[in-house]
Amino acid sequence: DAKHAKAKIISVSQGLQGGDIKKMIFFTFEINDGFTAPYTASAGWFVDTLRLSKIQEGMEIDVKVDSADPMKIYPAAGWATYTEGYNSNLSVDKLSGK
């Protein structure tokens, strides 16, 4: 079960995984569900490459927060797919020394 929330994008980095249609994107969000104090959480999603321009730092998007584990953040829109098991240390920025 998941509840709807707003997420402000604090940081975005592109992973090595993915192809021409979807890319692995690592997010750090500020989550605001309207009930608890805003908090920071991270997520790795496969994002449609056509939507990459829509996920800039500072933007706010709709998400779903796992009721049992509020650190699990799911996309609310169909242009992204939740995934687990990928490490943000395998991002293009980290591997290039940024």
Protein backbone atom coordinates (compact mmCIF):
# COMPACT_ATOMS: atom_id res chain seq x y z
CA ASP A 1 0.00 0.00 0.00
CA ALA A 2 1.32 3.45 -0.88
CA LYS A 3 0.16 7.00 -0.22
CA HIS A 4 0.44 9.97 -2.55
CA ALA A 5 2.96 12.71 -1.82
CA LYS A 6 4.87 15.55 -3.46
CA ALA A 7 8.59 15.21 -4.01
CA LYS A 8 10.96 18.07 -4.70
CA ILE A 9 13.94 16.86 -6.69
CA ILE A 10 17.12 17.73 -4.77
CA SER A 11 19.53 15.88 -7.05
CA VAL A 12 19.44 13.74 -10.18
CA SER A 13 22.20 11.53 -11.58
CA GLN A 14 22.14 9.14 -14.50
CA GLY A 15 23.12 5.52 -14.01
CA LEU A 16 24.98 3.32 -16.44
CA GLN A 17 22.04 0.96 -16.87
CA GLY A 18 19.44 1.43 -19.55
CA GLY A 19 19.24 1.94 -23.27
CA ASP A 20 17.67 4.23 -25.83
CA ILE A 21 14.14 4.01 -24.38
CA LYS A 22 14.69 4.02 -20.61
CA LYS A 23 17.64 5.18 -18.50
CA MET A 24 18.42 4.48 -14.86
CA ILE A 25 18.11 7.72 -12.91
CA PHE A 26 19.06 8.13 -9.25
CA PHE A 27 17.06 10.74 -7.35
CA THR A 28 17.33 12.42 -4.00
CA PHE A 29 13.96 13.86 -3.02
CA GLU A 30 12.49 16.03 -0.32
CA ILE A 31 9.24 14.22 0.42
CA ASN A 32 6.19 16.14 1.61
CA ASP A 33 3.12 14.02 2.25
CA GLY A 34 1.21 16.79 4.03
CA PHE A 35 1.10 14.83 7.29
CA THR A 36 4.66 14.42 8.52
CA ALA A 37 7.59 16.84 8.44
CA PRO A 38 9.33 16.91 5.03
CA TYR A 39 12.20 14.41 4.84
CA THR A 40 14.89 13.31 2.41
CA ALA A 41 14.76 9.97 0.59
CA SER A 42 16.53 8.45 -2.40
CA ALA A 43 15.25 6.28 -5.23
CA GLY A 44 16.45 4.65 -8.42
CA TRP A 45 13.96 4.58 -11.30
CA PHE A 46 14.07 3.64 -14.95
CA VAL A 47 12.86 6.81 -16.68
CA ASP A 48 11.63 7.20 -20.27
CA THR A 49 14.39 9.05 -22.12
CA LEU A 50 11.82 11.44 -23.62
CA ARG A 51 11.04 12.64 -20.08
CA LEU A 52 14.64 13.31 -18.98
CA SER A 53 14.23 17.05 -19.58
CA LYS A 54 11.26 17.09 -17.19
CA ILE A 55 13.22 15.87 -14.15
CA GLN A 56 15.44 18.79 -13.26
CA GLU A 57 16.70 19.65 -9.79
CA GLY A 58 14.25 21.91 -7.97
CA MET A 59 11.18 20.57 -9.77
CA GLU A 60 8.32 18.98 -7.87
CA ILE A 61 6.73 15.73 -9.02
CA ASP A 62 4.01 13.41 -7.74
CA VAL A 63 5.20 10.23 -6.06
CA LYS A 64 3.84 7.40 -3.95
CA VAL A 65 5.36 6.56 -0.57
CA ASP A 66 5.33 2.98 0.73
CA SER A 67 3.12 2.93 3.83
CA ALA A 68 5.30 0.34 5.56
CA ASP A 69 8.66 1.86 4.56
CA PRO A 70 8.56 5.65 3.94
CA MET A 71 12.06 5.52 2.43
CA LYS A 72 10.67 3.55 -0.56
CA ILE A 73 9.54 6.12 -3.09
CA TYR A 74 7.58 4.98 -6.14
CA PRO A 75 6.81 7.01 -9.27
CA ALA A 76 3.17 8.12 -9.51
CA ALA A 77 3.37 8.59 -13.29
CA GLY A 78 3.75 6.02 -16.05
CA TRP A 79 6.99 7.51 -17.42
CA ALA A 80 9.11 5.94 -14.66
CA THR A 81 9.48 2.46 -13.18
CA TYR A 82 10.56 1.76 -9.60
CA THR A 83 13.53 -0.55 -9.19
CA GLU A 84 15.70 -1.87 -6.38
CA GLY A 85 19.19 -3.27 -6.22
CA TYR A 86 21.05 -0.59 -8.18
CA ASN A 87 23.60 1.50 -6.35
CA SER A 88 23.91 5.22 -6.98
CA ASN A 89 27.70 4.80 -6.79
CA LEU A 90 27.31 3.41 -10.31
CA SER A 91 26.15 6.74 -11.68
CA VAL A 92 27.86 8.51 -14.54
CA ASP A 93 28.69 11.47 -12.26
CA LYS A 94 30.29 9.37 -9.50
CA LEU A 95 32.31 7.28 -11.93
CA SER A 96 33.59 10.36 -13.72
CA GLY A 97 34.71 11.87 -10.42
CA LYS A 98 32.06 14.58 -10.04
